[in-house]
Amino acid sequence: MSAAPKIVPADPHAWRQGFLNLRPNVVPCPGLTLQSWAGVHEACIAFLDARADEAAVLGWTTLDLFGVHPEAGVVRADFCGALVMSGERVSAITENRMAFVNTAYYRDKPGRPTGAVPIWLFGR
């Protein structure tokens, strides 16, 4: 997508501004149920409150964290950012790894496709 370079930078203020437009009772894209979305929404708010600045300093981008496939949403997990799939809270973060209670996300995974959009821009 041609707009991708404008949404990639690490900007906690922009993350918060974009994400807070999403409501916890309205599923934003395919692949999430109302229950799973409520968990993801809560975990993302906790991340924005406690870890967003740290992630930005470590170089995490909008799409690394909040990316989804522009048409299939989280159904295409290979497009997804670290925060949009599990609903677990972040327990640790490094330059390339985000740890959750039971899983981890590696942002430097080879072969990761391009063309994701932030979850708050899905369908626009």
PDB file of N, CA and C in Angstrom:
ATOM      1  N   MET A   1       0.840  -1.182   0.000  1.00  0.00           N
ATOM      2  CA  MET A   1       0.000   0.000   0.000  1.00  0.00           C
ATOM      3  C   MET A   1       0.881   1.240   0.000  1.00  0.00           C
ATOM      4  N   SER A   2       0.487   2.227  -0.723  1.00  0.00           N
ATOM      5  CA  SER A   2       1.307   3.425  -0.813  1.00  0.00           C
ATOM      6  C   SER A   2       1.334   4.221   0.486  1.00  0.00           C
ATOM      7  N   ALA A   3       0.318   4.077   1.338  1.00  0.00           N
ATOM      8  CA  ALA A   3       0.267   4.840   2.588  1.00  0.00           C
ATOM      9  C   ALA A   3       1.129   4.234   3.682  1.00  0.00           C
ATOM     10  N   ALA A   4       1.638   3.030   3.484  1.00  0.00           N
ATOM     11  CA  ALA A   4       2.363   2.321   4.537  1.00  0.00           C
ATOM     12  C   ALA A   4       3.493   3.131   5.166  1.00  0.00           C
ATOM     13  N   PRO A   5       4.350   3.825   4.400  1.00  0.00           N
ATOM     14  CA  PRO A   5       5.429   4.562   5.047  1.00  0.00           C
ATOM     15  C   PRO A   5       4.950   5.597   6.056  1.00  0.00           C
ATOM     16  N   LYS A   6       3.748   6.124   5.916  1.00  0.00           N
ATOM     17  CA  LYS A   6       3.239   7.129   6.841  1.00  0.00           C
ATOM     18  C   LYS A   6       2.783   6.527   8.168  1.00  0.00           C
ATOM     19  N   ILE A   7       2.531   5.216   8.212  1.00  0.00           N
ATOM     20  CA  ILE A   7       2.006   4.597   9.425  1.00  0.00           C
ATOM     21  C   ILE A   7       3.007   3.698  10.128  1.00  0.00           C
ATOM     22  N   VAL A   8       4.185   3.533   9.575  1.00  0.00           N
ATOM     23  CA  VAL A   8       5.164   2.611  10.136  1.00  0.00           C
ATOM     24  C   VAL A   8       5.946   3.157  11.326  1.00  0.00           C
ATOM     25  N   PRO A   9       6.237   4.442  11.426  1.00  0.00           N
ATOM     26  CA  PRO A   9       7.108   4.909  12.504  1.00  0.00           C
ATOM     27  C   PRO A   9       6.632   4.531  13.905  1.00  0.00           C
ATOM     28  N   ALA A  10       7.582   4.519  14.802  1.00  0.00           N
ATOM     29  CA  ALA A  10       7.297   4.231  16.211  1.00  0.00           C
ATOM     30  C   ALA A  10       6.836   5.517  16.879  1.00  0.00           C
ATOM     31  N   ASP A  11       5.558   5.616  17.146  1.00  0.00           N
ATOM     32  CA  ASP A  11       4.998   6.829  17.732  1.00  0.00           C
ATOM     33  C   ASP A  11       3.899   6.465  18.727  1.00  0.00           C
ATOM     34  N   PRO A  12       4.231   6.347  20.007  1.00  0.00           N
ATOM     35  CA  PRO A  12       3.235   5.959  21.010  1.00  0.00           C
ATOM     36  C   PRO A  12       1.999   6.856  21.037  1.00  0.00           C
ATOM     37  N   HIS A  13       2.169   8.145  20.780  1.00  0.00           N
ATOM     38  CA  HIS A  13       1.008   9.040  20.760  1.00  0.00           C
ATOM     39  C   HIS A  13       0.062   8.660  19.616  1.00  0.00           C
ATOM     40  N   ALA A  14       0.616   8.400  18.434  1.00  0.00           N
ATOM     41  CA  ALA A  14      -0.203   7.994  17.290  1.00  0.00           C
ATOM     42  C   ALA A  14      -0.849   6.633  17.538  1.00  0.00           C
ATOM     43  N   TRP A  15      -0.119   5.719  18.188  1.00  0.00           N
ATOM     44  CA  TRP A  15      -0.711   4.409  18.516  1.00  0.00           C
ATOM     45  C   TRP A  15      -1.933   4.598  19.397  1.00  0.00           C
ATOM     46  N   ARG A  16      -1.778   5.385  20.423  1.00  0.00           N
ATOM     47  CA  ARG A  16      -2.889   5.611  21.361  1.00  0.00           C
ATOM     48  C   ARG A  16      -4.057   6.293  20.647  1.00  0.00           C
ATOM     49  N   GLN A  17      -3.750   7.311  19.889  1.00  0.00           N
ATOM     50  CA  GLN A  17      -4.792   8.050  19.186  1.00  0.00           C
ATOM     51  C   GLN A  17      -5.568   7.133  18.237  1.00  0.00           C
ATOM     52  N   GLY A  18      -4.857   6.308  17.475  1.00  0.00           N
ATOM     53  CA  GLY A  18      -5.518   5.387  16.553  1.00  0.00           C
ATOM     54  C   GLY A  18      -6.290   4.303  17.269  1.00  0.00           C
ATOM     55  N   PHE A  19      -5.668   3.688  18.274  1.00  0.00           N
ATOM     56  CA  PHE A  19      -6.297   2.553  18.943  1.00  0.00           C
ATOM     57  C   PHE A  19      -7.513   2.964  19.758  1.00  0.00           C
ATOM     58  N   LEU A  20      -7.472   4.112  20.378  1.00  0.00           N
ATOM     59  CA  LEU A  20      -8.593   4.525  21.224  1.00  0.00           C
ATOM     60  C   LEU A  20      -9.858   4.847  20.428  1.00  0.00           C
ATOM     61  N   ASN A  21      -9.747   4.883  19.098  1.00  0.00           N
ATOM     62  CA  ASN A  21     -10.940   5.006  18.262  1.00  0.00           C
ATOM     63  C   ASN A  21     -11.710   3.693  18.177  1.00  0.00           C
ATOM     64  N   LEU A  22     -11.081   2.592  18.582  1.00  0.00           N
ATOM     65  CA  LEU A  22     -11.725   1.275  18.544  1.00  0.00           C
ATOM     66  C   LEU A  22     -12.478   1.033  19.844  1.00  0.00           C
ATOM     67  N   ARG A  23     -13.664   0.485  19.728  1.00  0.00           N
ATOM     68  CA  ARG A  23     -14.471   0.192  20.914  1.00  0.00           C
ATOM     69  C   ARG A  23     -14.345  -1.280  21.276  1.00  0.00           C
ATOM     70  N   PRO A  24     -14.322  -1.606  22.555  1.00  0.00           N
ATOM     71  CA  PRO A  24     -14.170  -3.002  22.969  1.00  0.00           C
ATOM     72  C   PRO A  24     -15.377  -3.870  22.645  1.00  0.00           C
ATOM     73  N   ASN A  25     -16.512  -3.272  22.334  1.00  0.00           N
ATOM     74  CA  ASN A  25     -17.711  -4.047  22.030  1.00  0.00           C
ATOM     75  C   ASN A  25     -18.036  -4.106  20.539  1.00  0.00           C
ATOM     76  N   VAL A  26     -17.088  -3.682  19.679  1.00  0.00           N
ATOM     77  CA  VAL A  26     -17.258  -3.747  18.231  1.00  0.00           C
ATOM     78  C   VAL A  26     -16.010  -4.395  17.633  1.00  0.00           C
ATOM     79  N   VAL A  27     -16.153  -5.602  17.110  1.00  0.00           N
ATOM     80  CA  VAL A  27     -15.024  -6.330  16.525  1.00  0.00           C
ATOM     81  C   VAL A  27     -14.556  -5.582  15.272  1.00  0.00           C
ATOM     82  N   PRO A  28     -13.263  -5.220  15.190  1.00  0.00           N
ATOM     83  CA  PRO A  28     -12.800  -4.363  14.100  1.00  0.00           C
ATOM     84  C   PRO A  28     -12.449  -5.072  12.794  1.00  0.00           C
ATOM     85  N   CYS A  29     -12.256  -6.404  12.838  1.00  0.00           N
ATOM     86  CA  CYS A  29     -11.840  -7.105  11.628  1.00  0.00           C
ATOM     87  C   CYS A  29     -12.140  -8.597  11.749  1.00  0.00           C
ATOM     88  N   PRO A  30     -12.129  -9.324  10.622  1.00  0.00           N
ATOM     89  CA  PRO A  30     -12.353 -10.768  10.660  1.00  0.00           C
ATOM     90  C   PRO A  30     -11.272 -11.490  11.468  1.00  0.00           C
ATOM     91  N   GLY A  31     -11.660 -12.618  12.036  1.00  0.00           N
ATOM     92  CA  GLY A  31     -10.720 -13.447  12.777  1.00  0.00           C
ATOM     93  C   GLY A  31     -10.795 -13.266  14.279  1.00  0.00           C
ATOM     94  N   LEU A  32     -11.572 -12.307  14.726  1.00  0.00           N
ATOM     95  CA  LEU A  32     -11.759 -12.067  16.156  1.00  0.00           C
ATOM     96  C   LEU A  32     -13.230 -12.268  16.503  1.00  0.00           C
ATOM     97  N   THR A  33     -13.481 -12.833  17.669  1.00  0.00           N
ATOM     98  CA  THR A  33     -14.836 -12.886  18.201  1.00  0.00           C
ATOM     99  C   THR A  33     -14.997 -11.710  19.155  1.00  0.00           C
ATOM    100  N   LEU A  34     -16.195 -11.463  19.580  1.00  0.00           N
ATOM    101  CA  LEU A  34     -16.407 -10.387  20.545  1.00  0.00           C
ATOM    102  C   LEU A  34     -15.615 -10.649  21.821  1.00  0.00           C
ATOM    103  N   GLN A  35     -15.589 -11.908  22.254  1.00  0.00           N
ATOM    104  CA  GLN A  35     -14.844 -12.259  23.468  1.00  0.00           C
ATOM    105  C   GLN A  35     -13.338 -12.098  23.266  1.00  0.00           C
ATOM    106  N   SER A  36     -12.809 -12.621  22.157  1.00  0.00           N
ATOM    107  CA  SER A  36     -11.360 -12.498  21.943  1.00  0.00           C
ATOM    108  C   SER A  36     -10.961 -11.040  21.737  1.00  0.00           C
ATOM    109  N   TRP A  37     -11.796 -10.269  21.032  1.00  0.00           N
ATOM    110  CA  TRP A  37     -11.495  -8.857  20.823  1.00  0.00           C
ATOM    111  C   TRP A  37     -11.472  -8.091  22.141  1.00  0.00           C
ATOM    112  N   ALA A  38     -12.383  -8.399  23.042  1.00  0.00           N
ATOM    113  CA  ALA A  38     -12.394  -7.719  24.341  1.00  0.00           C
ATOM    114  C   ALA A  38     -11.071  -7.937  25.068  1.00  0.00           C
ATOM    115  N   GLY A  39     -10.526  -9.162  24.995  1.00  0.00           N
ATOM    116  CA  GLY A  39      -9.231  -9.451  25.611  1.00  0.00           C
ATOM    117  C   GLY A  39      -8.093  -8.722  24.929  1.00  0.00           C
ATOM    118  N   VAL A  40      -8.100  -8.726  23.594  1.00  0.00           N
ATOM    119  CA  VAL A  40      -7.066  -8.008  22.839  1.00  0.00           C
ATOM    120  C   VAL A  40      -7.145  -6.513  23.152  1.00  0.00           C
ATOM    121  N   HIS A  41      -8.329  -5.967  23.156  1.00  0.00           N
ATOM    122  CA  HIS A  41      -8.506  -4.537  23.427  1.00  0.00           C
ATOM    123  C   HIS A  41      -7.951  -4.180  24.807  1.00  0.00           C
ATOM    124  N   GLU A  42      -8.292  -4.968  25.804  1.00  0.00           N
ATOM    125  CA  GLU A  42      -7.812  -4.710  27.164  1.00  0.00           C
ATOM    126  C   GLU A  42      -6.289  -4.805  27.251  1.00  0.00           C
ATOM    127  N   ALA A  43      -5.716  -5.835  26.614  1.00  0.00           N
ATOM    128  CA  ALA A  43      -4.262  -6.005  26.640  1.00  0.00           C
ATOM    129  C   ALA A  43      -3.560  -4.864  25.898  1.00  0.00           C
ATOM    130  N   CYS A  44      -4.142  -4.392  24.806  1.00  0.00           N
ATOM    131  CA  CYS A  44      -3.547  -3.281  24.063  1.00  0.00           C
ATOM    132  C   CYS A  44      -3.575  -1.989  24.874  1.00  0.00           C
ATOM    133  N   ILE A  45      -4.660  -1.742  25.569  1.00  0.00           N
ATOM    134  CA  ILE A  45      -4.734  -0.553  26.425  1.00  0.00           C
ATOM    135  C   ILE A  45      -3.673  -0.639  27.525  1.00  0.00           C
ATOM    136  N   ALA A  46      -3.525  -1.816  28.128  1.00  0.00           N
ATOM    137  CA  ALA A  46      -2.497  -2.003  29.162  1.00  0.00           C
ATOM    138  C   ALA A  46      -1.109  -1.759  28.579  1.00  0.00           C
ATOM    139  N   PHE A  47      -0.867  -2.255  27.358  1.00  0.00           N
ATOM    140  CA  PHE A  47       0.411  -2.028  26.686  1.00  0.00           C
ATOM    141  C   PHE A  47       0.638  -0.535  26.450  1.00  0.00           C
ATOM    142  N   LEU A  48      -0.360   0.145  25.927  1.00  0.00           N
ATOM    143  CA  LEU A  48      -0.223   1.580  25.658  1.00  0.00           C
ATOM    144  C   LEU A  48       0.064   2.358  26.933  1.00  0.00           C
ATOM    145  N   ASP A  49      -0.533   1.944  28.033  1.00  0.00           N
ATOM    146  CA  ASP A  49      -0.319   2.624  29.310  1.00  0.00           C
ATOM    147  C   ASP A  49       1.058   2.352  29.906  1.00  0.00           C
ATOM    148  N   ALA A  50       1.563   1.129  29.742  1.00  0.00           N
ATOM    149  CA  ALA A  50       2.766   0.727  30.479  1.00  0.00           C
ATOM    150  C   ALA A  50       4.014   0.488  29.640  1.00  0.00           C
ATOM    151  N   ARG A  51       3.864   0.152  28.362  1.00  0.00           N
ATOM    152  CA  ARG A  51       5.029  -0.300  27.598  1.00  0.00           C
ATOM    153  C   ARG A  51       5.239   0.388  26.256  1.00  0.00           C
ATOM    154  N   ALA A  52       4.348   1.240  25.838  1.00  0.00           N
ATOM    155  CA  ALA A  52       4.451   1.833  24.507  1.00  0.00           C
ATOM    156  C   ALA A  52       5.737   2.630  24.319  1.00  0.00           C
ATOM    157  N   ASP A  53       6.098   3.443  25.287  1.00  0.00           N
ATOM    158  CA  ASP A  53       7.324   4.243  25.158  1.00  0.00           C
ATOM    159  C   ASP A  53       8.550   3.346  25.055  1.00  0.00           C
ATOM    160  N   GLU A  54       8.583   2.296  25.856  1.00  0.00           N
ATOM    161  CA  GLU A  54       9.698   1.343  25.812  1.00  0.00           C
ATOM    162  C   GLU A  54       9.787   0.688  24.435  1.00  0.00           C
ATOM    163  N   ALA A  55       8.651   0.272  23.885  1.00  0.00           N
ATOM    164  CA  ALA A  55       8.636  -0.364  22.568  1.00  0.00           C
ATOM    165  C   ALA A  55       9.138   0.593  21.490  1.00  0.00           C
ATOM    166  N   ALA A  56       8.737   1.840  21.564  1.00  0.00           N
ATOM    167  CA  ALA A  56       9.182   2.825  20.580  1.00  0.00           C
ATOM    168  C   ALA A  56      10.689   3.026  20.640  1.00  0.00           C
ATOM    169  N   VAL A  57      11.229   3.125  21.837  1.00  0.00           N
ATOM    170  CA  VAL A  57      12.678   3.282  22.001  1.00  0.00           C
ATOM    171  C   VAL A  57      13.417   2.079  21.411  1.00  0.00           C
ATOM    172  N   LEU A  58      12.826   0.898  21.536  1.00  0.00           N
ATOM    173  CA  LEU A  58      13.440  -0.325  21.011  1.00  0.00           C
ATOM    174  C   LEU A  58      13.218  -0.505  19.511  1.00  0.00           C
ATOM    175  N   GLY A  59      12.475   0.411  18.889  1.00  0.00           N
ATOM    176  CA  GLY A  59      12.305   0.391  17.443  1.00  0.00           C
ATOM    177  C   GLY A  59      11.084  -0.341  16.920  1.00  0.00           C
ATOM    178  N   TRP A  60      10.179  -0.754  17.780  1.00  0.00           N
ATOM    179  CA  TRP A  60       8.956  -1.411  17.329  1.00  0.00           C
ATOM    180  C   TRP A  60       8.091  -0.397  16.586  1.00  0.00           C
ATOM    181  N   THR A  61       7.511  -0.825  15.469  1.00  0.00           N
ATOM    182  CA  THR A  61       6.705   0.067  14.642  1.00  0.00           C
ATOM    183  C   THR A  61       5.214  -0.201  14.835  1.00  0.00           C
ATOM    184  N   THR A  62       4.423   0.664  14.255  1.00  0.00           N
ATOM    185  CA  THR A  62       2.969   0.507  14.289  1.00  0.00           C
ATOM    186  C   THR A  62       2.559  -0.874  13.797  1.00  0.00           C
ATOM    187  N   LEU A  63       3.107  -1.288  12.662  1.00  0.00           N
ATOM    188  CA  LEU A  63       2.718  -2.572  12.077  1.00  0.00           C
ATOM    189  C   LEU A  63       3.297  -3.754  12.836  1.00  0.00           C
ATOM    190  N   ASP A  64       4.470  -3.597  13.442  1.00  0.00           N
ATOM    191  CA  ASP A  64       5.022  -4.660  14.295  1.00  0.00           C
ATOM    192  C   ASP A  64       4.065  -4.980  15.437  1.00  0.00           C
ATOM    193  N   LEU A  65       3.363  -3.995  15.899  1.00  0.00           N
ATOM    194  CA  LEU A  65       2.498  -4.140  17.074  1.00  0.00           C
ATOM    195  C   LEU A  65       1.031  -4.339  16.721  1.00  0.00           C
ATOM    196  N   PHE A  66       0.514  -3.543  15.800  1.00  0.00           N
ATOM    197  CA  PHE A  66      -0.926  -3.481  15.555  1.00  0.00           C
ATOM    198  C   PHE A  66      -1.328  -3.871  14.136  1.00  0.00           C
ATOM    199  N   GLY A  67      -0.410  -4.410  13.345  1.00  0.00           N
ATOM    200  CA  GLY A  67      -0.708  -4.728  11.959  1.00  0.00           C
ATOM    201  C   GLY A  67      -1.682  -5.884  11.790  1.00  0.00           C
ATOM    202  N   VAL A  68      -2.520  -5.784  10.760  1.00  0.00           N
ATOM    203  CA  VAL A  68      -3.415  -6.863  10.337  1.00  0.00           C
ATOM    204  C   VAL A  68      -3.456  -6.875   8.811  1.00  0.00           C
ATOM    205  N   HIS A  69      -3.884  -7.992   8.246  1.00  0.00           N
ATOM    206  CA  HIS A  69      -4.056  -8.078   6.799  1.00  0.00           C
ATOM    207  C   HIS A  69      -5.155  -7.088   6.388  1.00  0.00           C
ATOM    208  N   PRO A  70      -4.971  -6.348   5.277  1.00  0.00           N
ATOM    209  CA  PRO A  70      -5.931  -5.306   4.914  1.00  0.00           C
ATOM    210  C   PRO A  70      -7.312  -5.821   4.505  1.00  0.00           C
ATOM    211  N   GLU A  71      -7.431  -7.101   4.162  1.00  0.00           N
ATOM    212  CA  GLU A  71      -8.732  -7.654   3.780  1.00  0.00           C
ATOM    213  C   GLU A  71      -9.175  -8.796   4.686  1.00  0.00           C
ATOM    214  N   ALA A  72      -8.236  -9.596   5.170  1.00  0.00           N
ATOM    215  CA  ALA A  72      -8.574 -10.779   5.968  1.00  0.00           C
ATOM    216  C   ALA A  72      -8.419 -10.561   7.471  1.00  0.00           C
ATOM    217  N   GLY A  73      -7.952  -9.402   7.879  1.00  0.00           N
ATOM    218  CA  GLY A  73      -7.786  -9.127   9.304  1.00  0.00           C
ATOM    219  C   GLY A  73      -6.808 -10.083   9.966  1.00  0.00           C
ATOM    220  N   VAL A  74      -7.156 -10.587  11.145  1.00  0.00           N
ATOM    221  CA  VAL A  74      -6.245 -11.478  11.869  1.00  0.00           C
ATOM    222  C   VAL A  74      -6.343 -12.919  11.396  1.00  0.00           C
ATOM    223  N   VAL A  75      -7.225 -13.195  10.428  1.00  0.00           N
ATOM    224  CA  VAL A  75      -7.274 -14.534   9.838  1.00  0.00           C
ATOM    225  C   VAL A  75      -5.913 -14.861   9.225  1.00  0.00           C
ATOM    226  N   ARG A  76      -5.258 -13.872   8.657  1.00  0.00           N
ATOM    227  CA  ARG A  76      -3.916 -14.040   8.104  1.00  0.00           C
ATOM    228  C   ARG A  76      -2.900 -13.668   9.177  1.00  0.00           C
ATOM    229  N   ALA A  77      -2.615 -14.616  10.041  1.00  0.00           N
ATOM    230  CA  ALA A  77      -1.718 -14.378  11.177  1.00  0.00           C
ATOM    231  C   ALA A  77      -0.323 -13.952  10.742  1.00  0.00           C
ATOM    232  N   ASP A  78       0.096 -14.341   9.538  1.00  0.00           N
ATOM    233  CA  ASP A  78       1.424 -13.964   9.064  1.00  0.00           C
ATOM    234  C   ASP A  78       1.558 -12.456   8.863  1.00  0.00           C
ATOM    235  N   PHE A  79       0.469 -11.735   8.770  1.00  0.00           N
ATOM    236  CA  PHE A  79       0.484 -10.284   8.628  1.00  0.00           C
ATOM    237  C   PHE A  79       0.369  -9.566   9.965  1.00  0.00           C
ATOM    238  N   CYS A  80       0.029 -10.290  11.005  1.00  0.00           N
ATOM    239  CA  CYS A  80      -0.370  -9.656  12.262  1.00  0.00           C
ATOM    240  C   CYS A  80       0.789  -9.172  13.112  1.00  0.00           C
ATOM    241  N   GLY A  81       0.546  -8.050  13.764  1.00  0.00           N
ATOM    242  CA  GLY A  81       1.477  -7.523  14.739  1.00  0.00           C
ATOM    243  C   GLY A  81       1.360  -8.274  16.055  1.00  0.00           C
ATOM    244  N   ALA A  82       2.289  -8.011  16.921  1.00  0.00           N
ATOM    245  CA  ALA A  82       2.411  -8.754  18.179  1.00  0.00           C
ATOM    246  C   ALA A  82       1.190  -8.659  19.076  1.00  0.00           C
ATOM    247  N   LEU A  83       0.496  -7.548  19.066  1.00  0.00           N
ATOM    248  CA  LEU A  83      -0.542  -7.311  20.069  1.00  0.00           C
ATOM    249  C   LEU A  83      -1.952  -7.701  19.662  1.00  0.00           C
ATOM    250  N   VAL A  84      -2.187  -8.027  18.410  1.00  0.00           N
ATOM    251  CA  VAL A  84      -3.565  -8.173  17.941  1.00  0.00           C
ATOM    252  C   VAL A  84      -4.115  -9.593  17.928  1.00  0.00           C
ATOM    253  N   MET A  85      -3.344 -10.567  18.357  1.00  0.00           N
ATOM    254  CA  MET A  85      -3.823 -11.938  18.234  1.00  0.00           C
ATOM    255  C   MET A  85      -4.212 -12.623  19.534  1.00  0.00           C
ATOM    256  N   SER A  86      -3.458 -12.452  20.590  1.00  0.00           N
ATOM    257  CA  SER A  86      -3.654 -13.337  21.739  1.00  0.00           C
ATOM    258  C   SER A  86      -4.499 -12.778  22.872  1.00  0.00           C
ATOM    259  N   GLY A  87      -4.459 -11.491  23.091  1.00  0.00           N
ATOM    260  CA  GLY A  87      -5.150 -10.931  24.241  1.00  0.00           C
ATOM    261  C   GLY A  87      -4.378 -11.088  25.535  1.00  0.00           C
ATOM    262  N   GLU A  88      -3.153 -11.597  25.449  1.00  0.00           N
ATOM    263  CA  GLU A  88      -2.303 -11.709  26.640  1.00  0.00           C
ATOM    264  C   GLU A  88      -1.541 -10.402  26.838  1.00  0.00           C
ATOM    265  N   ARG A  89      -1.237 -10.102  28.074  1.00  0.00           N
ATOM    266  CA  ARG A  89      -0.445  -8.906  28.370  1.00  0.00           C
ATOM    267  C   ARG A  89       1.034  -9.170  28.141  1.00  0.00           C
ATOM    268  N   VAL A  90       1.736  -8.142  27.739  1.00  0.00           N
ATOM    269  CA  VAL A  90       3.176  -8.226  27.498  1.00  0.00           C
ATOM    270  C   VAL A  90       3.891  -8.385  28.834  1.00  0.00           C
ATOM    271  N   SER A  91       4.794  -9.382  28.891  1.00  0.00           N
ATOM    272  CA  SER A  91       5.560  -9.595  30.123  1.00  0.00           C
ATOM    273  C   SER A  91       7.009  -9.138  29.993  1.00  0.00           C
ATOM    274  N   ALA A  92       7.513  -9.054  28.763  1.00  0.00           N
ATOM    275  CA  ALA A  92       8.885  -8.587  28.529  1.00  0.00           C
ATOM    276  C   ALA A  92       9.002  -8.164  27.070  1.00  0.00           C
ATOM    277  N   ILE A  93       9.943  -7.249  26.826  1.00  0.00           N
ATOM    278  CA  ILE A  93      10.146  -6.772  25.465  1.00  0.00           C
ATOM    279  C   ILE A  93      11.627  -6.484  25.246  1.00  0.00           C
ATOM    280  N   THR A  94      12.129  -6.898  24.072  1.00  0.00           N
ATOM    281  CA  THR A  94      13.488  -6.580  23.640  1.00  0.00           C
ATOM    282  C   THR A  94      13.388  -5.985  22.238  1.00  0.00           C
ATOM    283  N   GLU A  95      14.524  -5.744  21.600  1.00  0.00           N
ATOM    284  CA  GLU A  95      14.504  -5.173  20.253  1.00  0.00           C
ATOM    285  C   GLU A  95      13.739  -6.030  19.256  1.00  0.00           C
ATOM    286  N   ASN A  96      13.800  -7.354  19.387  1.00  0.00           N
ATOM    287  CA  ASN A  96      13.179  -8.226  18.398  1.00  0.00           C
ATOM    288  C   ASN A  96      12.157  -9.203  18.945  1.00  0.00           C
ATOM    289  N   ARG A  97      11.945  -9.227  20.253  1.00  0.00           N
ATOM    290  CA  ARG A  97      11.057 -10.231  20.845  1.00  0.00           C
ATOM    291  C   ARG A  97      10.121  -9.581  21.852  1.00  0.00           C
ATOM    292  N   MET A  98       8.858  -9.974  21.767  1.00  0.00           N
ATOM    293  CA  MET A  98       7.877  -9.558  22.756  1.00  0.00           C
ATOM    294  C   MET A  98       7.346 -10.828  23.406  1.00  0.00           C
ATOM    295  N   ALA A  99       7.490 -10.912  24.717  1.00  0.00           N
ATOM    296  CA  ALA A  99       7.047 -12.097  25.451  1.00  0.00           C
ATOM    297  C   ALA A  99       5.698 -11.833  26.103  1.00  0.00           C
ATOM    298  N   PHE A 100       4.876 -12.871  26.088  1.00  0.00           N
ATOM    299  CA  PHE A 100       3.582 -12.866  26.747  1.00  0.00           C
ATOM    300  C   PHE A 100       3.606 -13.998  27.766  1.00  0.00           C
ATOM    301  N   VAL A 101       2.527 -14.256  28.447  1.00  0.00           N
ATOM    302  CA  VAL A 101       2.497 -15.310  29.460  1.00  0.00           C
ATOM    303  C   VAL A 101       2.863 -16.668  28.861  1.00  0.00           C
ATOM    304  N   ASN A 102       2.239 -17.031  27.744  1.00  0.00           N
ATOM    305  CA  ASN A 102       2.430 -18.366  27.169  1.00  0.00           C
ATOM    306  C   ASN A 102       3.067 -18.378  25.790  1.00  0.00           C
ATOM    307  N   THR A 103       3.304 -17.243  25.201  1.00  0.00           N
ATOM    308  CA  THR A 103       3.820 -17.190  23.837  1.00  0.00           C
ATOM    309  C   THR A 103       4.855 -16.078  23.711  1.00  0.00           C
ATOM    310  N   ALA A 104       5.448 -16.003  22.535  1.00  0.00           N
ATOM    311  CA  ALA A 104       6.365 -14.909  22.216  1.00  0.00           C
ATOM    312  C   ALA A 104       6.175 -14.540  20.750  1.00  0.00           C
ATOM    313  N   TYR A 105       6.492 -13.319  20.420  1.00  0.00           N
ATOM    314  CA  TYR A 105       6.387 -12.811  19.063  1.00  0.00           C
ATOM    315  C   TYR A 105       7.755 -12.274  18.671  1.00  0.00           C
ATOM    316  N   TYR A 106       8.231 -12.674  17.493  1.00  0.00           N
ATOM    317  CA  TYR A 106       9.515 -12.204  16.978  1.00  0.00           C
ATOM    318  C   TYR A 106       9.245 -11.316  15.772  1.00  0.00           C
ATOM    319  N   ARG A 107       9.654 -10.075  15.846  1.00  0.00           N
ATOM    320  CA  ARG A 107       9.344  -9.153  14.755  1.00  0.00           C
ATOM    321  C   ARG A 107      10.297  -9.286  13.578  1.00  0.00           C
ATOM    322  N   ASP A 108      11.421  -9.950  13.760  1.00  0.00           N
ATOM    323  CA  ASP A 108      12.392 -10.098  12.672  1.00  0.00           C
ATOM    324  C   ASP A 108      12.240 -11.436  11.959  1.00  0.00           C
ATOM    325  N   LYS A 109      11.056 -12.010  11.969  1.00  0.00           N
ATOM    326  CA  LYS A 109      10.801 -13.311  11.344  1.00  0.00           C
ATOM    327  C   LYS A 109      10.993 -13.211   9.828  1.00  0.00           C
ATOM    328  N   PRO A 110      11.860 -14.050   9.257  1.00  0.00           N
ATOM    329  CA  PRO A 110      12.082 -14.019   7.807  1.00  0.00           C
ATOM    330  C   PRO A 110      10.808 -14.378   7.038  1.00  0.00           C
ATOM    331  N   GLY A 111      10.613 -13.730   5.907  1.00  0.00           N
ATOM    332  CA  GLY A 111       9.480 -14.038   5.047  1.00  0.00           C
ATOM    333  C   GLY A 111       8.171 -13.385   5.446  1.00  0.00           C
ATOM    334  N   ARG A 112       8.193 -12.526   6.422  1.00  0.00           N
ATOM    335  CA  ARG A 112       6.964 -11.843   6.837  1.00  0.00           C
ATOM    336  C   ARG A 112       6.478 -10.956   5.692  1.00  0.00           C
ATOM    337  N   PRO A 113       5.218 -11.123   5.282  1.00  0.00           N
ATOM    338  CA  PRO A 113       4.727 -10.342   4.146  1.00  0.00           C
ATOM    339  C   PRO A 113       4.581  -8.857   4.469  1.00  0.00           C
ATOM    340  N   THR A 114       4.564  -8.065   3.431  1.00  0.00           N
ATOM    341  CA  THR A 114       4.344  -6.627   3.581  1.00  0.00           C
ATOM    342  C   THR A 114       2.904  -6.306   3.190  1.00  0.00           C
ATOM    343  N   GLY A 115       2.457  -5.120   3.495  1.00  0.00           N
ATOM    344  CA  GLY A 115       1.125  -4.687   3.097  1.00  0.00           C
ATOM    345  C   GLY A 115       0.103  -4.680   4.213  1.00  0.00           C
ATOM    346  N   ALA A 116       0.535  -4.918   5.445  1.00  0.00           N
ATOM    347  CA  ALA A 116      -0.394  -4.865   6.575  1.00  0.00           C
ATOM    348  C   ALA A 116      -0.852  -3.430   6.807  1.00  0.00           C
ATOM    349  N   VAL A 117      -1.938  -3.299   7.546  1.00  0.00           N
ATOM    350  CA  VAL A 117      -2.438  -1.985   7.963  1.00  0.00           C
ATOM    351  C   VAL A 117      -2.659  -2.021   9.470  1.00  0.00           C
ATOM    352  N   PRO A 118      -2.617  -0.885  10.142  1.00  0.00           N
ATOM    353  CA  PRO A 118      -2.957  -0.884  11.567  1.00  0.00           C
ATOM    354  C   PRO A 118      -4.416  -1.314  11.745  1.00  0.00           C
ATOM    355  N   ILE A 119      -4.694  -2.020  12.798  1.00  0.00           N
ATOM    356  CA  ILE A 119      -6.044  -2.537  13.015  1.00  0.00           C
ATOM    357  C   ILE A 119      -7.088  -1.423  12.994  1.00  0.00           C
ATOM    358  N   TRP A 120      -6.720  -0.220  13.409  1.00  0.00           N
ATOM    359  CA  TRP A 120      -7.688   0.878  13.412  1.00  0.00           C
ATOM    360  C   TRP A 120      -7.965   1.436  12.018  1.00  0.00           C
ATOM    361  N   LEU A 121      -7.176   1.037  11.017  1.00  0.00           N
ATOM    362  CA  LEU A 121      -7.441   1.447   9.636  1.00  0.00           C
ATOM    363  C   LEU A 121      -8.039   0.319   8.807  1.00  0.00           C
ATOM    364  N   PHE A 122      -8.292  -0.830   9.417  1.00  0.00           N
ATOM    365  CA  PHE A 122      -8.867  -1.949   8.673  1.00  0.00           C
ATOM    366  C   PHE A 122     -10.195  -1.522   8.031  1.00  0.00           C
ATOM    367  N   GLY A 123     -10.338  -1.858   6.754  1.00  0.00           N
ATOM    368  CA  GLY A 123     -11.579  -1.572   6.044  1.00  0.00           C
ATOM    369  C   GLY A 123     -11.751  -0.144   5.582  1.00  0.00           C
ATOM    370  N   ARG A 124     -10.729   0.671   5.744  1.00  0.00           N
ATOM    371  CA  ARG A 124     -10.831   2.078   5.309  1.00  0.00           C
ATOM    372  C   ARG A 124     -10.051   2.315   4.051  1.00  0.00           C
TER     373      ARG A 124
END
